[in-house]
N, C-alpha and C. Protein backbone atom coordinates (compact mmCIF):
# COMPACT_ATOMS: atom_id res chain seq x y z
N UNK A 1 0.76 -1.06 0.25
CA UNK A 1 0.16 -0.12 -0.12
C UNK A 1 0.83 1.30 0.06
N UNK A 2 1.95 1.24 0.99
CA UNK A 2 2.59 2.20 1.00
C UNK A 2 4.04 1.59 0.60
N UNK A 3 4.34 2.89 -0.42
CA UNK A 3 5.60 2.88 -0.74
C UNK A 3 6.79 3.20 -0.33
N UNK A 4 7.81 2.55 0.31
CA UNK A 4 9.19 3.77 1.11
C UNK A 4 9.95 3.89 0.10
N UNK A 5 9.98 5.54 0.33
CA UNK A 5 10.63 6.43 -0.21
C UNK A 5 12.30 5.84 -0.05
N UNK A 6 13.09 6.62 -0.65
CA UNK A 6 14.41 6.32 -0.68
C UNK A 6 15.14 7.22 0.24
N UNK A 7 16.06 6.85 0.68
CA UNK A 7 16.22 8.25 1.76
C UNK A 7 17.63 9.34 0.63
N UNK A 8 17.46 10.47 0.71
CA UNK A 8 18.34 10.91 -0.26
C UNK A 8 19.59 11.58 0.62
N UNK A 9 20.93 11.27 -0.16
CA UNK A 9 22.02 11.55 0.63
C UNK A 9 22.36 12.87 0.71
N UNK A 10 22.17 13.68 2.05
CA UNK A 10 22.84 14.79 1.73
C UNK A 10 24.39 15.15 2.37
N UNK A 11 25.18 14.21 2.27
CA UNK A 11 26.10 14.10 2.73
C UNK A 11 27.03 15.58 1.77
N UNK A 12 26.89 15.82 1.09
CA UNK A 12 27.83 16.85 0.05
C UNK A 12 26.88 18.45 0.56
N UNK A 13 25.97 18.75 1.01
CA UNK A 13 25.92 19.41 1.95
C UNK A 13 26.66 19.67 3.27
N UNK A 14 26.63 18.48 3.68
CA UNK A 14 27.71 18.60 5.00
C UNK A 14 29.08 19.11 4.79
N UNK A 15 29.37 18.45 4.03
CA UNK A 15 30.83 18.56 3.10
C UNK A 15 30.81 19.84 2.92
N UNK A 16 30.07 20.55 2.33
CA UNK A 16 30.21 22.03 1.70
C UNK A 16 30.11 22.85 2.89
N UNK A 17 29.93 22.52 3.91
CA UNK A 17 30.00 23.73 4.86
C UNK A 17 31.04 23.32 5.74
N UNK A 18 32.28 22.58 5.15
CA UNK A 18 33.52 22.30 6.12
C UNK A 18 34.24 22.78 4.90
N UNK A 19 34.34 22.83 3.84
CA UNK A 19 34.91 23.48 2.48
C UNK A 19 35.67 24.70 2.48
N UNK A 20 36.88 25.38 2.92
CA UNK A 20 37.22 26.24 3.00
C UNK A 20 37.92 26.59 1.77
N UNK A 21 37.76 27.84 1.29
CA UNK A 21 38.74 28.41 0.16
C UNK A 21 39.44 29.40 0.42
N UNK A 22 40.79 28.46 -0.34
CA UNK A 22 42.07 29.31 0.23
C UNK A 22 42.89 30.83 -0.45
N UNK A 23 41.26 30.91 -1.72
CA UNK A 23 41.51 32.24 -2.33
C UNK A 23 40.79 33.68 -1.88
N UNK A 24 41.42 34.47 -1.56
CA UNK A 24 41.24 35.65 -0.59
C UNK A 24 40.61 36.22 -1.27
N UNK A 25 38.94 37.43 -1.23
CA UNK A 25 38.93 38.22 -2.44
C UNK A 25 39.68 39.55 -2.90
N UNK A 26 39.66 40.39 -3.76
CA UNK A 26 40.33 41.78 -3.68
C UNK A 26 39.81 42.49 -2.52
N UNK A 27 40.96 43.35 -2.43
CA UNK A 27 40.55 44.21 -1.43
C UNK A 27 39.60 45.29 -2.27
N UNK A 28 38.63 45.86 -1.29
CA UNK A 28 38.12 46.93 -1.75
C UNK A 28 38.57 47.98 -2.32
N UNK A 29 38.08 48.83 -3.25
CA UNK A 29 38.83 50.18 -3.77
C UNK A 29 38.12 51.24 -3.12
N UNK A 30 39.10 52.36 -2.59
CA UNK A 30 38.44 53.26 -1.66
C UNK A 30 37.93 53.94 -2.40
N UNK A 31 37.05 54.76 -2.07
CA UNK A 31 36.00 55.80 -2.47
C UNK A 31 36.88 56.96 -2.61
N UNK A 32 36.66 57.57 -3.91
CA UNK A 32 37.49 58.77 -4.22
C UNK A 32 36.50 59.92 -3.73
N UNK A 33 37.10 60.82 -3.35
CA UNK A 33 36.46 62.35 -2.96
C UNK A 33 35.10 62.64 -4.15
N UNK A 34 35.43 62.28 -5.55
CA UNK A 34 34.39 62.60 -6.25
C UNK A 34 33.31 62.19 -6.37
N UNK A 35 33.51 60.18 -6.08
CA UNK A 35 32.60 60.07 -5.92
C UNK A 35 31.39 60.04 -4.42
N UNK A 36 32.21 60.29 -3.73
CA UNK A 36 31.57 60.78 -1.94
C UNK A 36 31.05 61.92 -2.28
N UNK A 37 31.48 62.74 -2.98
CA UNK A 37 30.49 63.94 -3.50
C UNK A 37 29.61 63.77 -4.10
N UNK A 38 29.34 62.94 -5.18
CA UNK A 38 28.46 62.95 -6.04
C UNK A 38 27.33 61.83 -5.50
N UNK A 39 28.06 60.86 -4.56
CA UNK A 39 26.82 60.16 -3.63
C UNK A 39 26.15 60.86 -2.59
N UNK A 40 26.81 62.12 -2.01
CA UNK A 40 26.02 62.66 -1.36
C UNK A 40 25.62 64.12 -2.38
N UNK A 41 25.56 64.61 -3.00
CA UNK A 41 24.83 65.52 -4.03
C UNK A 41 23.48 64.47 -4.54
N UNK A 42 23.20 63.48 -4.66
CA UNK A 42 22.31 62.60 -5.36
C UNK A 42 21.22 62.72 -4.17
N UNK A 43 22.15 62.10 -2.78
CA UNK A 43 21.55 61.82 -2.07
C UNK A 43 20.83 63.46 -0.83
N UNK A 44 21.22 64.57 -1.56
CA UNK A 44 20.49 65.63 -0.92
C UNK A 44 19.51 66.27 -2.21
N UNK A 45 19.57 65.63 -3.30
CA UNK A 45 18.73 65.87 -4.46
C UNK A 45 17.52 65.18 -3.67
N UNK A 46 17.28 63.83 -3.71
CA UNK A 46 16.40 63.40 -3.22
C UNK A 46 15.93 63.87 -1.80
N UNK A 47 16.35 64.43 -1.06
CA UNK A 47 15.57 64.73 0.19
C UNK A 47 14.94 65.74 -0.16
N UNK A 48 15.70 66.88 -0.88
CA UNK A 48 15.30 67.89 -1.53
C UNK A 48 13.94 68.27 -1.94
N UNK A 49 14.02 67.41 -3.22
CA UNK A 49 12.64 66.81 -3.79
C UNK A 49 11.30 65.80 -2.81
N UNK A 50 11.84 65.40 -2.29
CA UNK A 50 10.65 64.81 -0.77
C UNK A 50 10.28 65.90 -0.15
N UNK A 51 11.03 66.88 0.53
CA UNK A 51 10.62 67.76 1.42
C UNK A 51 10.03 69.15 0.63
N UNK A 52 10.44 69.12 -1.16
CA UNK A 52 9.66 70.19 -1.87
C UNK A 52 8.65 69.54 -2.08
N UNK A 53 7.99 68.72 -2.70
CA UNK A 53 6.69 67.98 -3.15
C UNK A 53 5.94 68.02 -1.60
N UNK A 54 6.37 67.33 -0.49
CA UNK A 54 5.70 67.90 1.34
C UNK A 54 4.84 69.25 0.86
N UNK A 55 5.86 70.39 0.57
CA UNK A 55 5.69 71.73 1.02
C UNK A 55 4.67 72.08 0.28
N UNK A 56 4.83 71.84 -1.08
CA UNK A 56 3.29 72.06 -2.33
C UNK A 56 2.35 70.89 -2.06
N UNK A 57 2.86 69.91 -1.52
CA UNK A 57 1.13 69.23 -1.57
C UNK A 57 0.25 69.05 0.18
N UNK A 58 1.01 69.70 0.50
CA UNK A 58 0.15 70.24 2.07
C UNK A 58 -0.89 71.16 2.06
N UNK A 59 -0.72 72.02 1.28
CA UNK A 59 -2.23 72.81 1.04
C UNK A 59 -3.60 72.48 0.13
N UNK A 60 -2.81 71.41 -0.65
CA UNK A 60 -3.72 70.10 -1.73
C UNK A 60 -4.71 68.94 -0.24
N UNK A 61 -3.87 68.98 0.86
CA UNK A 61 -4.24 67.88 1.51
C UNK A 61 -4.86 68.72 2.94
N UNK A 62 -4.84 69.75 2.86
CA UNK A 62 -5.78 70.30 3.85
C UNK A 62 -7.02 70.51 3.50
N UNK A 63 -8.05 70.75 4.64
CA UNK A 63 -9.56 70.29 4.65
C UNK A 63 -9.90 72.10 3.66
N UNK A 64 -10.71 71.39 2.72
CA UNK A 64 -10.79 72.67 1.74
C UNK A 64 -12.43 73.71 2.74
N UNK A 65 -11.72 74.62 2.67
CA UNK A 65 -12.92 75.75 3.00
C UNK A 65 -13.72 75.76 2.06
N UNK A 66 -15.24 76.32 2.48
CA UNK A 66 -16.09 76.33 1.25
C UNK A 66 -15.86 77.77 0.80
N UNK A 67 -16.59 77.86 -0.12
CA UNK A 67 -16.32 79.43 -1.05
C UNK A 67 -17.23 80.16 -0.41
N UNK A 68 -16.68 81.08 -0.35
CA UNK A 68 -17.68 82.29 0.26
C UNK A 68 -18.87 83.19 -0.34
N UNK A 69 -18.80 82.53 -2.11
CA UNK A 69 -20.10 83.23 -2.28
C UNK A 69 -20.21 81.46 -3.11
N UNK A 70 -21.31 81.42 -3.44
CA UNK A 70 -21.77 80.24 -4.17
C UNK A 70 -22.01 80.34 -5.34
N UNK A 71 -21.49 79.62 -6.55
CA UNK A 71 -21.56 80.01 -7.55
C UNK A 71 -22.82 78.87 -8.45
N UNK A 72 -23.22 79.63 -9.27
CA UNK A 72 -24.30 78.89 -10.10
C UNK A 72 -24.23 79.29 -11.51
N UNK A 73 -24.64 78.04 -12.26
CA UNK A 73 -24.38 78.26 -13.62
C UNK A 73 -25.78 79.25 -14.42
N UNK A 74 -25.21 79.64 -15.31
CA UNK A 74 -26.83 79.75 -15.91
C UNK A 74 -27.64 79.32 -16.26
N UNK A 75 -27.69 78.19 -15.95
CA UNK A 75 -28.98 76.90 -16.12
C UNK A 75 -29.32 77.03 -14.98
N UNK A 76 -28.95 77.01 -13.68
CA UNK A 76 -29.66 77.45 -12.56
C UNK A 76 -30.69 78.90 -12.63
N UNK A 77 -30.34 79.85 -13.22
CA UNK A 77 -30.78 80.63 -12.87
C UNK A 77 -32.17 80.88 -13.86
N UNK A 78 -32.27 79.57 -14.67
CA UNK A 78 -33.49 79.61 -15.33
C UNK A 78 -33.74 80.59 -16.60
N UNK A 79 -34.17 80.48 -17.62
CA UNK A 79 -34.17 81.41 -18.83
C UNK A 79 -35.58 81.82 -18.90
């Protein structure tokens, strides 16, 4: 009725954990002044854009006050 499944050998996974490479990765290049300035400029531009959109968008998000005069179309006046 029930078939017995064959066990899958996972010994290669255990061996992979013990394997260590003797090759070291190359050292990271140091960031130049121009790259650092460019990254800072991009960051400041993004932050300034977010702040600008917030400043310009706040009046649109505030609850609107009703107009002091009610506007009516010519059709409402009757002809």
